[in-house]
Protein backbone atom coordinates (compact mmCIF):
# COMPACT_ATOMS: atom_id res chain seq x y z
CA MET A 1 -132.21 -50.63 112.54
CA SER A 2 -131.73 -50.68 108.80
CA LEU A 3 -134.13 -47.74 108.33
CA ASN A 4 -132.04 -45.77 110.81
CA ASN A 5 -128.88 -46.76 108.93
CA LEU A 6 -130.45 -45.68 105.62
CA THR A 7 -131.42 -42.32 107.13
CA ASN A 8 -127.85 -41.80 108.32
CA HIS A 9 -126.52 -42.55 104.83
CA ILE A 10 -129.00 -40.12 103.25
CA ASP A 11 -128.01 -37.41 105.75
CA GLU A 12 -124.34 -38.07 105.04
CA LEU A 13 -125.01 -37.95 101.29
CA ASN A 14 -126.84 -34.64 101.73
CA GLU A 15 -123.93 -33.17 103.70
CA ASN A 16 -121.40 -34.37 101.11
CA PHE A 17 -123.49 -32.91 98.32
CA GLN A 18 -123.73 -29.55 100.10
CA GLU A 19 -119.96 -29.53 100.65
CA TYR A 20 -119.43 -30.38 96.98
CA VAL A 21 -121.69 -27.53 95.85
CA SER A 22 -119.97 -25.14 98.24
CA SER A 23 -116.52 -26.21 97.04
CA THR A 24 -117.59 -25.87 93.40
CA ILE A 25 -118.93 -22.36 94.01
CA ASP A 26 -115.71 -21.39 95.79
CA TYR A 27 -113.66 -22.80 92.90
CA TYR A 28 -115.57 -20.79 90.32
CA LYS A 29 -115.34 -17.65 92.44
CA LEU A 30 -111.56 -18.06 92.57
CA ASP A 31 -111.42 -18.82 88.85
CA ILE A 32 -113.42 -15.68 88.00
CA PHE A 33 -111.23 -13.63 90.33
CA LYS A 34 -108.09 -14.98 88.66
CA LYS A 35 -109.38 -14.26 85.16
CA THR A 36 -110.58 -10.78 86.13
CA THR A 37 -107.21 -10.01 87.68
CA LYS A 38 -105.37 -11.21 84.57
CA ILE A 39 -107.55 -9.11 82.27
CA SER A 40 -107.25 -6.05 84.53
CA ALA A 41 -103.46 -6.39 84.62
CA SER A 42 -103.37 -6.71 80.84
CA VAL A 43 -105.53 -3.62 80.38
CA ALA A 44 -103.46 -1.60 82.86
CA SER A 45 -100.24 -2.69 81.15
CA VAL A 46 -101.56 -1.72 77.72
CA LEU A 47 -102.73 1.66 79.01
CA ILE A 48 -99.38 2.45 80.64
CA LEU A 49 -97.40 1.33 77.60
CA GLY A 50 -99.77 3.26 75.34
CA ALA A 51 -99.30 6.45 77.36
CA ILE A 52 -95.51 6.12 77.23
CA PHE A 53 -95.64 5.47 73.49
CA ILE A 54 -97.86 8.53 72.94
CA LEU A 55 -95.33 10.70 74.80
CA PHE A 56 -92.53 9.24 72.69
CA LEU A 57 -94.52 9.83 69.52
CA ALA A 58 -95.30 13.43 70.50
CA PHE A 59 -91.65 14.32 71.14
CA ILE A 60 -90.34 12.54 68.05
CA SER A 61 -93.04 14.25 65.95
CA VAL A 62 -92.06 17.70 67.21
CA GLY A 63 -88.40 16.89 66.54
CA PHE A 64 -89.06 15.73 62.98
CA SER A 65 -91.36 18.69 62.36
CA ILE A 66 -88.63 21.13 63.40
CA LEU A 67 -86.03 19.24 61.36
CA ILE A 68 -88.18 19.18 58.22
CA GLY A 69 -89.25 22.79 58.75
CA LYS A 70 -85.67 24.03 59.06
CA SER A 71 -84.63 22.18 55.92
CA LEU A 72 -87.57 23.68 53.98
CA GLY A 73 -87.03 27.18 55.36
CA SER A 74 -90.23 27.48 57.46
CA LEU A 75 -91.05 25.61 60.66
CA SER A 76 -94.75 25.56 59.83
CA TYR A 77 -94.10 23.48 56.69
CA GLY A 78 -92.55 20.75 58.81
CA PHE A 79 -95.55 20.67 61.16
CA PHE A 80 -97.97 20.58 58.22
CA ILE A 81 -96.09 17.68 56.63
CA ILE A 82 -96.02 15.65 59.85
CA SER A 83 -99.71 16.34 60.52
CA GLY A 84 -100.45 15.23 56.92
CA VAL A 85 -98.63 11.95 57.58
CA TYR A 86 -100.68 11.43 60.74
CA PHE A 87 -103.87 12.23 58.86
CA LEU A 88 -103.03 9.57 56.25
CA LEU A 89 -102.33 7.06 59.03
CA PHE A 90 -105.67 8.01 60.60
CA LEU A 91 -107.51 7.38 57.32
CA LEU A 92 -105.77 4.02 56.83
CA MET A 93 -106.66 2.97 60.38
CA LEU A 94 -110.24 4.12 59.87
CA ILE A 95 -110.57 2.03 56.73
CA PHE A 96 -108.53 -1.09 57.56
CA GLY A 97 -107.81 -1.01 61.28
CA LYS A 98 -111.14 -1.97 62.82
CA ALA A 99 -111.09 -5.59 61.67
CA PHE A 100 -107.41 -6.03 62.54
CA PHE A 101 -107.68 -4.64 66.05
CA SER A 102 -110.96 -6.37 66.86
CA LYS A 103 -109.44 -9.75 65.88
CA LEU A 104 -106.27 -9.00 67.83
CA LEU A 105 -108.21 -7.92 70.93
CA LEU A 106 -110.60 -10.86 70.73
CA ARG A 107 -107.71 -13.32 70.39
CA LYS A 108 -105.74 -11.79 73.28
CA MET A 109 -108.69 -11.54 75.69
CA SER A 110 -110.04 -14.99 74.89
CA LYS A 111 -106.59 -16.49 75.45
CA SER A 112 -106.36 -14.95 78.92
CA ALA A 113 -109.99 -15.62 79.84
CA PHE A 114 -110.41 -19.14 78.48
CA ASN A 115 -107.01 -20.73 78.90
CA ASP A 116 -108.04 -24.32 79.58
CA HIS A 117 -104.43 -25.51 79.76
CA GLU A 118 -104.08 -24.07 83.27
CA ASN A 119 -107.30 -25.76 84.38
CA GLU A 120 -106.03 -29.13 83.10
CA ILE A 121 -102.90 -28.76 85.21
CA VAL A 122 -105.01 -28.11 88.32
CA VAL A 123 -107.19 -31.15 87.60
CA LYS A 124 -104.13 -33.37 87.06
CA LYS A 125 -102.62 -32.19 90.34
CA ASP A 126 -105.90 -32.93 92.16
CA GLU A 127 -106.00 -36.41 90.66
CA SER A 128 -102.42 -37.13 91.74
CA TYR A 129 -103.32 -36.24 95.33
CA LYS A 130 -106.21 -38.71 95.31
CA ASN A 131 -103.99 -41.63 94.25
């Protein structure tokens, strides 16, 4: 009888272990889905805001070019001056911008991908249900 009882306990342990593994896999699938969704939403938001800012920058640049060109007596001078300013900004970004933007991007993406504070809240809620 005790051998039969031991076999039942081993079978029950096996079933519990399989349920645990299945639950753990489901949890990590949901966690990956959540993180992927957060990152995708962040990227989409940045792209939309970037496109709107580029349109703003294009219109304001044309306006300033015309304004500067009229004050100097030739519209082309205004466009050359504005394009020179953009070229200087381009050179500065080429020289100094890579390190700044890579740090900023790494910090932002790691914060959204590896935010352990949210996981601690989930664990604390699970523990409160057990008690």
